[in-house]
N, C-alpha and C. Protein backbone atom coordinates (compact mmCIF):
# COMPACT_ATOMS: atom_id res chain seq x y z
N MET A 1 0.85 -1.18 0.00
CA MET A 1 0.00 0.00 0.00
C MET A 1 0.89 1.23 0.00
N ALA A 2 0.54 2.22 -0.78
CA ALA A 2 1.33 3.44 -0.89
C ALA A 2 1.22 4.24 0.40
N SER A 3 2.28 4.96 0.73
CA SER A 3 2.25 5.79 1.92
C SER A 3 1.29 6.95 1.73
N ARG A 4 0.90 7.56 2.85
CA ARG A 4 -0.07 8.65 2.80
C ARG A 4 0.44 9.81 1.96
N SER A 5 1.72 10.19 2.11
CA SER A 5 2.25 11.31 1.33
C SER A 5 2.31 10.97 -0.15
N ARG A 6 2.59 9.71 -0.49
CA ARG A 6 2.63 9.29 -1.89
C ARG A 6 1.24 9.37 -2.52
N ARG A 7 0.20 8.95 -1.75
CA ARG A 7 -1.16 9.03 -2.25
C ARG A 7 -1.58 10.47 -2.44
N LEU A 8 -1.17 11.35 -1.53
CA LEU A 8 -1.52 12.76 -1.66
C LEU A 8 -0.84 13.39 -2.87
N GLN A 9 0.34 12.91 -3.23
CA GLN A 9 1.03 13.43 -4.40
C GLN A 9 0.38 12.91 -5.68
N THR A 10 -0.11 11.68 -5.66
CA THR A 10 -0.65 11.05 -6.85
C THR A 10 -2.08 11.50 -7.13
N LYS A 11 -2.90 11.66 -6.10
CA LYS A 11 -4.31 11.99 -6.29
C LYS A 11 -4.50 13.30 -7.05
N PRO A 12 -3.80 14.40 -6.72
CA PRO A 12 -3.99 15.62 -7.51
C PRO A 12 -3.53 15.47 -8.95
N VAL A 13 -2.50 14.69 -9.19
CA VAL A 13 -2.01 14.48 -10.55
C VAL A 13 -3.05 13.74 -11.38
N ILE A 14 -3.64 12.70 -10.80
CA ILE A 14 -4.66 11.94 -11.52
C ILE A 14 -5.89 12.82 -11.76
N THR A 15 -6.28 13.60 -10.76
CA THR A 15 -7.41 14.51 -10.92
C THR A 15 -7.14 15.52 -12.03
N CYS A 16 -5.93 16.02 -12.07
CA CYS A 16 -5.55 16.98 -13.12
C CYS A 16 -5.63 16.32 -14.50
N PHE A 17 -5.09 15.10 -14.62
CA PHE A 17 -5.15 14.38 -15.90
C PHE A 17 -6.59 14.14 -16.33
N LYS A 18 -7.44 13.73 -15.38
CA LYS A 18 -8.84 13.49 -15.71
C LYS A 18 -9.51 14.77 -16.19
N SER A 19 -9.24 15.86 -15.51
CA SER A 19 -9.85 17.13 -15.89
C SER A 19 -9.40 17.57 -17.27
N VAL A 20 -8.11 17.46 -17.54
CA VAL A 20 -7.58 17.85 -18.85
C VAL A 20 -8.18 16.99 -19.95
N LEU A 21 -8.24 15.68 -19.73
CA LEU A 21 -8.81 14.79 -20.74
C LEU A 21 -10.30 15.07 -20.95
N LEU A 22 -11.02 15.39 -19.88
CA LEU A 22 -12.44 15.70 -20.00
C LEU A 22 -12.64 16.98 -20.82
N ILE A 23 -11.87 18.00 -20.51
CA ILE A 23 -11.96 19.26 -21.25
C ILE A 23 -11.57 19.04 -22.71
N TYR A 24 -10.49 18.30 -22.91
CA TYR A 24 -10.00 17.99 -24.25
C TYR A 24 -11.08 17.28 -25.07
N THR A 25 -11.70 16.27 -24.48
CA THR A 25 -12.76 15.53 -25.16
C THR A 25 -13.96 16.43 -25.45
N PHE A 26 -14.32 17.25 -24.48
CA PHE A 26 -15.46 18.15 -24.65
C PHE A 26 -15.23 19.14 -25.79
N ILE A 27 -14.02 19.68 -25.88
CA ILE A 27 -13.70 20.63 -26.95
C ILE A 27 -13.86 19.96 -28.32
N PHE A 28 -13.33 18.74 -28.46
CA PHE A 28 -13.44 18.06 -29.75
C PHE A 28 -14.87 17.61 -30.02
N TRP A 29 -15.64 17.29 -29.00
CA TRP A 29 -17.03 16.93 -29.19
C TRP A 29 -17.82 18.14 -29.71
N ILE A 30 -17.62 19.29 -29.07
CA ILE A 30 -18.30 20.52 -29.50
C ILE A 30 -17.88 20.87 -30.93
N THR A 31 -16.58 20.79 -31.22
CA THR A 31 -16.10 21.09 -32.56
C THR A 31 -16.72 20.15 -33.59
N GLY A 32 -16.83 18.87 -33.26
CA GLY A 32 -17.44 17.91 -34.16
C GLY A 32 -18.91 18.21 -34.41
N VAL A 33 -19.65 18.59 -33.37
CA VAL A 33 -21.06 18.93 -33.53
C VAL A 33 -21.22 20.15 -34.43
N ILE A 34 -20.39 21.16 -34.21
CA ILE A 34 -20.45 22.38 -35.03
C ILE A 34 -20.14 22.04 -36.48
N LEU A 35 -19.09 21.27 -36.71
CA LEU A 35 -18.72 20.92 -38.08
C LEU A 35 -19.77 20.02 -38.74
N LEU A 36 -20.42 19.16 -37.94
CA LEU A 36 -21.50 18.34 -38.49
C LEU A 36 -22.66 19.22 -38.93
N ALA A 37 -22.97 20.22 -38.11
CA ALA A 37 -24.06 21.13 -38.45
C ALA A 37 -23.73 21.93 -39.71
N ILE A 38 -22.48 22.34 -39.83
CA ILE A 38 -22.07 23.12 -41.01
C ILE A 38 -21.88 22.20 -42.21
N GLY A 39 -21.43 20.97 -41.96
CA GLY A 39 -21.26 20.00 -43.04
C GLY A 39 -19.90 20.05 -43.70
N ILE A 40 -18.86 20.29 -42.92
CA ILE A 40 -17.51 20.33 -43.52
C ILE A 40 -16.62 19.30 -42.82
N TRP A 41 -16.98 18.03 -42.93
CA TRP A 41 -16.21 16.99 -42.26
C TRP A 41 -14.79 16.84 -42.80
N GLY A 42 -14.59 17.11 -44.06
CA GLY A 42 -13.23 17.05 -44.61
C GLY A 42 -12.32 18.03 -43.90
N LYS A 43 -12.84 19.20 -43.58
CA LYS A 43 -12.06 20.20 -42.84
C LYS A 43 -11.79 19.72 -41.41
N TYR A 44 -12.75 18.99 -40.83
CA TYR A 44 -12.57 18.47 -39.47
C TYR A 44 -11.43 17.47 -39.44
N ALA A 45 -11.34 16.61 -40.45
CA ALA A 45 -10.24 15.65 -40.53
C ALA A 45 -8.91 16.38 -40.65
N MET A 46 -8.88 17.45 -41.44
CA MET A 46 -7.64 18.24 -41.55
C MET A 46 -7.31 18.93 -40.22
N PHE A 47 -8.35 19.42 -39.54
CA PHE A 47 -8.17 20.06 -38.24
C PHE A 47 -7.57 19.08 -37.23
N LEU A 48 -8.13 17.86 -37.17
CA LEU A 48 -7.60 16.84 -36.26
C LEU A 48 -6.17 16.45 -36.63
N THR A 49 -5.89 16.38 -37.93
CA THR A 49 -4.53 16.07 -38.37
C THR A 49 -3.56 17.16 -37.95
N LEU A 50 -3.98 18.40 -38.08
CA LEU A 50 -3.13 19.53 -37.66
C LEU A 50 -2.85 19.47 -36.16
N ILE A 51 -3.87 19.22 -35.37
CA ILE A 51 -3.70 19.10 -33.91
C ILE A 51 -2.75 17.95 -33.59
N PHE A 52 -2.93 16.82 -34.25
CA PHE A 52 -2.07 15.67 -34.03
C PHE A 52 -0.61 16.01 -34.34
N LEU A 53 -0.38 16.69 -35.47
CA LEU A 53 0.99 17.07 -35.85
C LEU A 53 1.61 18.04 -34.85
N VAL A 54 0.83 18.99 -34.35
CA VAL A 54 1.34 19.93 -33.34
C VAL A 54 1.73 19.18 -32.07
N GLU A 55 0.90 18.23 -31.63
CA GLU A 55 1.23 17.43 -30.46
C GLU A 55 2.47 16.58 -30.69
N LEU A 56 2.59 16.02 -31.89
CA LEU A 56 3.75 15.21 -32.23
C LEU A 56 5.04 16.04 -32.18
N VAL A 57 4.97 17.24 -32.76
CA VAL A 57 6.14 18.13 -32.74
C VAL A 57 6.48 18.53 -31.30
N ALA A 58 5.47 18.82 -30.48
CA ALA A 58 5.72 19.18 -29.08
C ALA A 58 6.38 18.04 -28.32
N ALA A 59 5.93 16.81 -28.57
CA ALA A 59 6.54 15.64 -27.91
C ALA A 59 7.99 15.46 -28.35
N ILE A 60 8.25 15.61 -29.63
CA ILE A 60 9.62 15.46 -30.14
C ILE A 60 10.53 16.54 -29.57
N VAL A 61 10.04 17.77 -29.56
CA VAL A 61 10.84 18.88 -29.01
C VAL A 61 11.11 18.65 -27.53
N GLY A 62 10.09 18.20 -26.79
CA GLY A 62 10.28 17.91 -25.37
C GLY A 62 11.31 16.82 -25.15
N PHE A 63 11.30 15.79 -25.99
CA PHE A 63 12.27 14.71 -25.85
C PHE A 63 13.67 15.18 -26.22
N VAL A 64 13.80 15.92 -27.31
CA VAL A 64 15.12 16.37 -27.76
C VAL A 64 15.74 17.34 -26.76
N PHE A 65 14.92 18.22 -26.18
CA PHE A 65 15.44 19.24 -25.28
C PHE A 65 15.23 18.90 -23.81
N ARG A 66 15.10 17.62 -23.48
CA ARG A 66 14.84 17.25 -22.09
C ARG A 66 15.97 17.65 -21.15
N HIS A 67 17.20 17.62 -21.62
CA HIS A 67 18.32 18.01 -20.76
C HIS A 67 18.31 19.52 -20.50
N GLU A 68 17.93 20.29 -21.52
CA GLU A 68 17.82 21.73 -21.34
C GLU A 68 16.69 22.07 -20.37
N ILE A 69 15.62 21.27 -20.42
CA ILE A 69 14.50 21.48 -19.50
C ILE A 69 14.95 21.20 -18.06
N LYS A 70 15.73 20.13 -17.88
CA LYS A 70 16.27 19.82 -16.56
C LYS A 70 17.17 20.94 -16.06
N ASN A 71 18.06 21.41 -16.93
CA ASN A 71 18.96 22.50 -16.53
C ASN A 71 18.20 23.77 -16.21
N SER A 72 17.16 24.04 -16.98
CA SER A 72 16.34 25.22 -16.72
C SER A 72 15.64 25.10 -15.37
N PHE A 73 15.11 23.90 -15.07
CA PHE A 73 14.48 23.70 -13.77
C PHE A 73 15.48 23.91 -12.64
N ARG A 74 16.68 23.34 -12.80
CA ARG A 74 17.71 23.48 -11.75
C ARG A 74 18.08 24.95 -11.56
N ASN A 75 18.30 25.66 -12.66
CA ASN A 75 18.68 27.08 -12.56
C ASN A 75 17.57 27.91 -11.92
N ASN A 76 16.33 27.66 -12.32
CA ASN A 76 15.22 28.41 -11.74
C ASN A 76 15.02 28.07 -10.27
N TYR A 77 15.25 26.82 -9.89
CA TYR A 77 15.12 26.44 -8.48
C TYR A 77 16.21 27.11 -7.65
N GLU A 78 17.44 27.10 -8.18
CA GLU A 78 18.53 27.77 -7.46
C GLU A 78 18.28 29.28 -7.35
N LYS A 79 17.73 29.87 -8.40
CA LYS A 79 17.39 31.29 -8.38
C LYS A 79 16.30 31.56 -7.34
N ALA A 80 15.33 30.66 -7.25
CA ALA A 80 14.26 30.81 -6.25
C ALA A 80 14.82 30.71 -4.84
N LEU A 81 15.84 29.86 -4.65
CA LEU A 81 16.48 29.77 -3.33
C LEU A 81 17.18 31.08 -2.97
N LYS A 82 17.88 31.64 -3.94
CA LYS A 82 18.61 32.89 -3.68
C LYS A 82 17.66 34.06 -3.40
N GLN A 83 16.47 34.05 -4.01
CA GLN A 83 15.50 35.12 -3.82
C GLN A 83 14.46 34.77 -2.76
N TYR A 84 14.68 33.69 -2.03
CA TYR A 84 13.70 33.22 -1.05
C TYR A 84 13.52 34.24 0.07
N ASN A 85 12.26 34.40 0.46
CA ASN A 85 11.95 35.20 1.65
C ASN A 85 10.74 34.58 2.32
N ALA A 86 10.52 34.93 3.56
CA ALA A 86 9.43 34.32 4.32
C ALA A 86 8.11 35.07 4.17
N THR A 87 8.08 36.10 3.30
CA THR A 87 6.86 36.89 3.17
C THR A 87 5.80 36.20 2.34
N GLY A 88 6.15 35.17 1.61
CA GLY A 88 5.15 34.37 0.92
C GLY A 88 4.93 34.71 -0.54
N ASP A 89 5.97 35.14 -1.27
CA ASP A 89 5.76 35.31 -2.72
C ASP A 89 5.66 33.91 -3.34
N TYR A 90 5.21 33.84 -4.58
CA TYR A 90 4.90 32.55 -5.18
C TYR A 90 6.13 31.64 -5.32
N ARG A 91 7.30 32.19 -5.54
CA ARG A 91 8.50 31.35 -5.66
C ARG A 91 8.86 30.74 -4.32
N SER A 92 8.79 31.55 -3.28
CA SER A 92 9.11 31.03 -1.95
C SER A 92 8.09 29.98 -1.52
N ASP A 93 6.82 30.22 -1.83
CA ASP A 93 5.79 29.22 -1.52
C ASP A 93 6.06 27.92 -2.27
N ALA A 94 6.49 28.02 -3.53
CA ALA A 94 6.79 26.81 -4.32
C ALA A 94 7.97 26.05 -3.72
N VAL A 95 9.00 26.77 -3.31
CA VAL A 95 10.16 26.13 -2.68
C VAL A 95 9.73 25.42 -1.40
N ASP A 96 8.94 26.11 -0.57
CA ASP A 96 8.47 25.49 0.68
C ASP A 96 7.62 24.26 0.40
N LYS A 97 6.74 24.34 -0.58
CA LYS A 97 5.86 23.22 -0.91
C LYS A 97 6.68 22.01 -1.37
N ILE A 98 7.66 22.25 -2.23
CA ILE A 98 8.51 21.14 -2.72
C ILE A 98 9.29 20.54 -1.56
N GLN A 99 9.89 21.37 -0.73
CA GLN A 99 10.72 20.87 0.37
C GLN A 99 9.88 20.14 1.41
N ASN A 100 8.68 20.63 1.70
CA ASN A 100 7.80 19.94 2.66
C ASN A 100 7.31 18.61 2.11
N THR A 101 6.88 18.61 0.87
CA THR A 101 6.28 17.41 0.27
C THR A 101 7.30 16.31 0.05
N LEU A 102 8.47 16.68 -0.46
CA LEU A 102 9.47 15.67 -0.81
C LEU A 102 10.50 15.42 0.29
N HIS A 103 10.39 16.15 1.39
CA HIS A 103 11.33 16.01 2.51
C HIS A 103 12.78 16.15 2.03
N CYS A 104 13.04 17.31 1.44
CA CYS A 104 14.36 17.60 0.91
C CYS A 104 14.72 19.03 1.31
N CYS A 105 15.95 19.44 0.99
CA CYS A 105 16.40 20.77 1.37
C CYS A 105 17.45 21.25 0.37
N GLY A 106 17.20 22.39 -0.26
CA GLY A 106 18.13 22.93 -1.24
C GLY A 106 17.98 22.26 -2.60
N ALA A 107 18.80 22.70 -3.55
CA ALA A 107 18.73 22.11 -4.88
C ALA A 107 19.51 20.79 -4.92
N THR A 108 20.82 20.84 -4.63
CA THR A 108 21.61 19.61 -4.62
C THR A 108 21.71 19.00 -3.22
N ASN A 109 21.76 19.84 -2.20
CA ASN A 109 21.71 19.40 -0.80
C ASN A 109 21.45 20.62 0.09
N PHE A 110 21.40 20.39 1.39
CA PHE A 110 21.07 21.48 2.32
C PHE A 110 22.11 22.60 2.30
N GLY A 111 23.31 22.32 1.85
CA GLY A 111 24.37 23.32 1.81
C GLY A 111 24.09 24.46 0.84
N ASP A 112 23.17 24.26 -0.10
CA ASP A 112 22.82 25.33 -1.04
C ASP A 112 22.25 26.56 -0.33
N TRP A 113 21.64 26.34 0.82
CA TRP A 113 21.04 27.47 1.55
C TRP A 113 22.11 28.39 2.14
N LYS A 114 23.31 27.88 2.36
CA LYS A 114 24.35 28.69 2.99
C LYS A 114 24.80 29.85 2.13
N ASP A 115 24.49 29.80 0.81
CA ASP A 115 24.87 30.88 -0.10
C ASP A 115 23.75 31.91 -0.28
N THR A 116 22.70 31.83 0.53
CA THR A 116 21.56 32.73 0.34
C THR A 116 21.51 33.81 1.43
N ASN A 117 20.86 34.91 1.10
CA ASN A 117 20.67 35.98 2.08
C ASN A 117 19.77 35.53 3.23
N TYR A 118 18.79 34.71 2.91
CA TYR A 118 17.88 34.24 3.94
C TYR A 118 18.64 33.46 5.01
N TYR A 119 19.58 32.62 4.59
CA TYR A 119 20.36 31.84 5.56
C TYR A 119 21.21 32.75 6.43
N LEU A 120 21.80 33.76 5.81
CA LEU A 120 22.63 34.68 6.58
C LEU A 120 21.83 35.42 7.65
N GLU A 121 20.55 35.72 7.34
CA GLU A 121 19.70 36.43 8.29
C GLU A 121 19.04 35.51 9.32
N LYS A 122 18.48 34.37 8.84
CA LYS A 122 17.63 33.55 9.71
C LYS A 122 18.03 32.08 9.79
N GLY A 123 18.90 31.62 8.92
CA GLY A 123 19.26 30.20 8.89
C GLY A 123 18.40 29.44 7.89
N PHE A 124 18.25 28.14 8.11
CA PHE A 124 17.45 27.31 7.21
C PHE A 124 15.97 27.65 7.37
N PRO A 125 15.20 27.55 6.28
CA PRO A 125 13.75 27.75 6.43
C PRO A 125 13.11 26.55 7.12
N LYS A 126 11.92 26.75 7.67
CA LYS A 126 11.23 25.66 8.38
C LYS A 126 10.87 24.51 7.46
N SER A 127 10.75 24.77 6.17
CA SER A 127 10.38 23.70 5.23
C SER A 127 11.50 22.67 5.06
N CYS A 128 12.69 22.98 5.54
CA CYS A 128 13.81 22.03 5.48
C CYS A 128 13.83 21.06 6.66
N CYS A 129 13.00 21.29 7.65
CA CYS A 129 13.02 20.48 8.88
C CYS A 129 12.72 19.02 8.63
N LYS A 130 13.42 18.16 9.37
CA LYS A 130 13.12 16.73 9.33
C LYS A 130 11.80 16.46 10.06
N LEU A 131 11.57 17.18 11.14
CA LEU A 131 10.37 17.01 11.94
C LEU A 131 9.49 18.24 11.82
N GLU A 132 8.19 18.08 12.10
CA GLU A 132 7.29 19.22 12.06
C GLU A 132 7.56 20.13 13.25
N ASP A 133 7.26 21.39 13.07
CA ASP A 133 7.36 22.40 14.14
C ASP A 133 8.75 22.50 14.76
N CYS A 134 9.77 22.47 13.94
CA CYS A 134 11.11 22.72 14.46
C CYS A 134 11.57 24.07 13.93
N SER A 135 12.54 24.62 14.55
CA SER A 135 13.15 25.85 14.04
C SER A 135 14.64 25.56 13.90
N PRO A 136 15.06 25.15 12.71
CA PRO A 136 16.42 24.65 12.53
C PRO A 136 17.50 25.71 12.66
N GLN A 137 17.16 26.96 12.38
CA GLN A 137 18.12 28.06 12.33
C GLN A 137 19.37 27.63 11.56
N ARG A 138 20.45 27.36 12.22
CA ARG A 138 21.67 26.98 11.48
C ARG A 138 22.17 25.57 11.84
N ASP A 139 21.31 24.76 12.43
CA ASP A 139 21.68 23.41 12.85
C ASP A 139 21.43 22.41 11.72
N PRO A 140 22.49 21.95 11.03
CA PRO A 140 22.30 21.03 9.90
C PRO A 140 21.77 19.65 10.31
N ASP A 141 21.81 19.31 11.59
CA ASP A 141 21.29 18.02 12.03
C ASP A 141 19.77 17.98 12.05
N LYS A 142 19.13 19.15 12.05
CA LYS A 142 17.66 19.21 12.10
C LYS A 142 17.02 19.28 10.72
N VAL A 143 17.84 19.36 9.66
CA VAL A 143 17.28 19.53 8.32
C VAL A 143 17.50 18.28 7.47
N ASN A 144 16.68 18.15 6.43
CA ASN A 144 16.85 17.06 5.47
C ASN A 144 18.15 17.28 4.70
N LYS A 145 18.85 16.22 4.44
CA LYS A 145 20.16 16.33 3.80
C LYS A 145 20.07 16.31 2.26
N GLU A 146 19.13 15.54 1.74
CA GLU A 146 19.06 15.33 0.29
C GLU A 146 18.48 16.55 -0.42
N GLY A 147 19.02 16.84 -1.61
CA GLY A 147 18.54 17.96 -2.40
C GLY A 147 17.25 17.66 -3.13
N CYS A 148 16.52 18.70 -3.47
CA CYS A 148 15.20 18.55 -4.09
C CYS A 148 15.29 18.27 -5.59
N PHE A 149 16.32 18.75 -6.25
CA PHE A 149 16.42 18.56 -7.70
C PHE A 149 16.43 17.07 -8.06
N ILE A 150 17.22 16.30 -7.35
CA ILE A 150 17.33 14.87 -7.63
C ILE A 150 15.99 14.18 -7.37
N LYS A 151 15.32 14.57 -6.28
CA LYS A 151 14.03 13.94 -5.96
C LYS A 151 12.97 14.29 -7.01
N VAL A 152 12.91 15.55 -7.43
CA VAL A 152 11.93 15.94 -8.45
C VAL A 152 12.20 15.20 -9.75
N MET A 153 13.45 15.13 -10.18
CA MET A 153 13.78 14.44 -11.42
C MET A 153 13.49 12.94 -11.32
N THR A 154 13.69 12.34 -10.17
CA THR A 154 13.39 10.93 -9.98
C THR A 154 11.89 10.68 -10.13
N ILE A 155 11.07 11.56 -9.55
CA ILE A 155 9.62 11.41 -9.66
C ILE A 155 9.18 11.59 -11.11
N ILE A 156 9.72 12.61 -11.78
CA ILE A 156 9.34 12.85 -13.17
C ILE A 156 9.72 11.66 -14.04
N GLU A 157 10.94 11.15 -13.88
CA GLU A 157 11.39 10.03 -14.70
C GLU A 157 10.61 8.75 -14.39
N SER A 158 10.21 8.56 -13.13
CA SER A 158 9.45 7.35 -12.79
C SER A 158 8.03 7.41 -13.35
N GLU A 159 7.48 8.61 -13.52
CA GLU A 159 6.13 8.76 -14.05
C GLU A 159 6.11 8.94 -15.57
N MET A 160 7.27 8.98 -16.20
CA MET A 160 7.34 9.21 -17.64
C MET A 160 6.67 8.10 -18.44
N GLY A 161 6.74 6.87 -17.97
CA GLY A 161 6.07 5.76 -18.66
C GLY A 161 4.56 5.94 -18.67
N VAL A 162 4.01 6.42 -17.55
CA VAL A 162 2.56 6.65 -17.48
C VAL A 162 2.18 7.77 -18.44
N VAL A 163 2.95 8.85 -18.44
CA VAL A 163 2.66 9.98 -19.33
C VAL A 163 2.76 9.53 -20.79
N ALA A 164 3.79 8.75 -21.11
CA ALA A 164 3.95 8.26 -22.49
C ALA A 164 2.78 7.35 -22.87
N GLY A 165 2.35 6.48 -21.97
CA GLY A 165 1.22 5.60 -22.25
C GLY A 165 -0.06 6.36 -22.48
N ILE A 166 -0.33 7.36 -21.65
CA ILE A 166 -1.54 8.18 -21.83
C ILE A 166 -1.45 8.95 -23.14
N SER A 167 -0.28 9.50 -23.44
CA SER A 167 -0.11 10.24 -24.68
C SER A 167 -0.32 9.33 -25.89
N PHE A 168 0.20 8.12 -25.83
CA PHE A 168 0.02 7.16 -26.93
C PHE A 168 -1.46 6.82 -27.10
N GLY A 169 -2.16 6.61 -25.98
CA GLY A 169 -3.59 6.32 -26.05
C GLY A 169 -4.38 7.46 -26.67
N VAL A 170 -4.07 8.70 -26.27
CA VAL A 170 -4.75 9.87 -26.85
C VAL A 170 -4.44 9.97 -28.34
N ALA A 171 -3.18 9.71 -28.71
CA ALA A 171 -2.80 9.78 -30.12
C ALA A 171 -3.56 8.73 -30.94
N CYS A 172 -3.73 7.54 -30.37
CA CYS A 172 -4.49 6.50 -31.09
C CYS A 172 -5.93 6.94 -31.31
N PHE A 173 -6.56 7.50 -30.28
CA PHE A 173 -7.93 7.99 -30.44
C PHE A 173 -8.01 9.11 -31.46
N GLN A 174 -7.00 9.96 -31.50
CA GLN A 174 -6.99 11.03 -32.50
C GLN A 174 -6.89 10.45 -33.90
N LEU A 175 -6.01 9.48 -34.07
CA LEU A 175 -5.87 8.86 -35.40
C LEU A 175 -7.16 8.16 -35.81
N ILE A 176 -7.83 7.50 -34.87
CA ILE A 176 -9.12 6.88 -35.18
C ILE A 176 -10.13 7.96 -35.57
N GLY A 177 -10.13 9.09 -34.83
CA GLY A 177 -11.02 10.20 -35.16
C GLY A 177 -10.74 10.77 -36.53
N ILE A 178 -9.47 10.90 -36.88
CA ILE A 178 -9.10 11.39 -38.21
C ILE A 178 -9.61 10.44 -39.29
N PHE A 179 -9.38 9.15 -39.08
CA PHE A 179 -9.82 8.15 -40.05
C PHE A 179 -11.34 8.15 -40.22
N LEU A 180 -12.07 8.19 -39.10
CA LEU A 180 -13.53 8.18 -39.17
C LEU A 180 -14.08 9.46 -39.80
N ALA A 181 -13.46 10.60 -39.47
CA ALA A 181 -13.90 11.86 -40.09
C ALA A 181 -13.66 11.83 -41.59
N TYR A 182 -12.53 11.28 -42.00
CA TYR A 182 -12.23 11.17 -43.43
C TYR A 182 -13.24 10.24 -44.11
N CYS A 183 -13.53 9.09 -43.49
CA CYS A 183 -14.50 8.14 -44.06
C CYS A 183 -15.88 8.78 -44.16
N LEU A 184 -16.30 9.50 -43.13
CA LEU A 184 -17.59 10.16 -43.16
C LEU A 184 -17.63 11.23 -44.24
N SER A 185 -16.56 11.96 -44.39
CA SER A 185 -16.49 12.99 -45.42
C SER A 185 -16.61 12.37 -46.81
N ARG A 186 -15.92 11.25 -47.03
CA ARG A 186 -16.00 10.56 -48.32
C ARG A 186 -17.41 10.03 -48.57
N ALA A 187 -18.04 9.47 -47.54
CA ALA A 187 -19.38 8.93 -47.70
C ALA A 187 -20.38 10.03 -48.02
N ILE A 188 -20.26 11.17 -47.32
CA ILE A 188 -21.16 12.29 -47.57
C ILE A 188 -20.94 12.83 -48.98
N THR A 189 -19.68 12.97 -49.39
CA THR A 189 -19.35 13.47 -50.72
C THR A 189 -19.89 12.52 -51.79
N ASN A 190 -19.71 11.21 -51.61
CA ASN A 190 -20.21 10.23 -52.59
C ASN A 190 -21.74 10.26 -52.67
N ASN A 191 -22.43 10.39 -51.54
CA ASN A 191 -23.89 10.45 -51.54
C ASN A 191 -24.40 11.71 -52.21
N GLN A 192 -23.68 12.83 -52.08
CA GLN A 192 -24.10 14.07 -52.73
C GLN A 192 -24.05 13.94 -54.25
N TYR A 193 -23.00 13.26 -54.75
CA TYR A 193 -22.88 13.08 -56.19
C TYR A 193 -23.94 12.11 -56.72
N GLU A 194 -24.32 11.12 -55.91
CA GLU A 194 -25.33 10.17 -56.35
C GLU A 194 -26.70 10.82 -56.41
N ILE A 195 -26.99 11.75 -55.50
CA ILE A 195 -28.30 12.43 -55.47
C ILE A 195 -28.46 13.29 -56.70
N VAL A 196 -27.40 13.98 -57.12
CA VAL A 196 -27.47 14.88 -58.26
C VAL A 196 -27.59 14.04 -59.48
């Protein structure tokens, strides 16, 4: 059985995927109804093909530039650490959320905080604590040792198979939709010529 924190991390992701797929399906359903009413199914097949090609290009670009994406995440996380403050701006909240959820501290390890203004003023943030309700200040024994970058990348890489599987399934449904729209367009076109 998955731990409570693991379930809490997975449930919002699944809910997000369900919501996106529902919206995605609804948009294509509405588009199909509109195009059926107008009677331009051939254009619908081209529209679906265009969407499929855009998704394919996005997937290829994401795969080719995956290392740049990792480096960008690391640089932005380190930048967020350097600009961290306790007043609650969105970057600081994101850092706290990641460190609390994944039980990590800093980008590569807890030592990353020693180069920040926040550490010089107040020490480690509370989100680095091993235990709840501690105030670590400058005591490295009270904070998590492992860095957040490695943990985030491990989670992303472990879930990549699920994302690829869902993407493949959506692509198959799109290809079936393209094929059926094309067949319907041909059938409608052939029937129009037979009527005349």
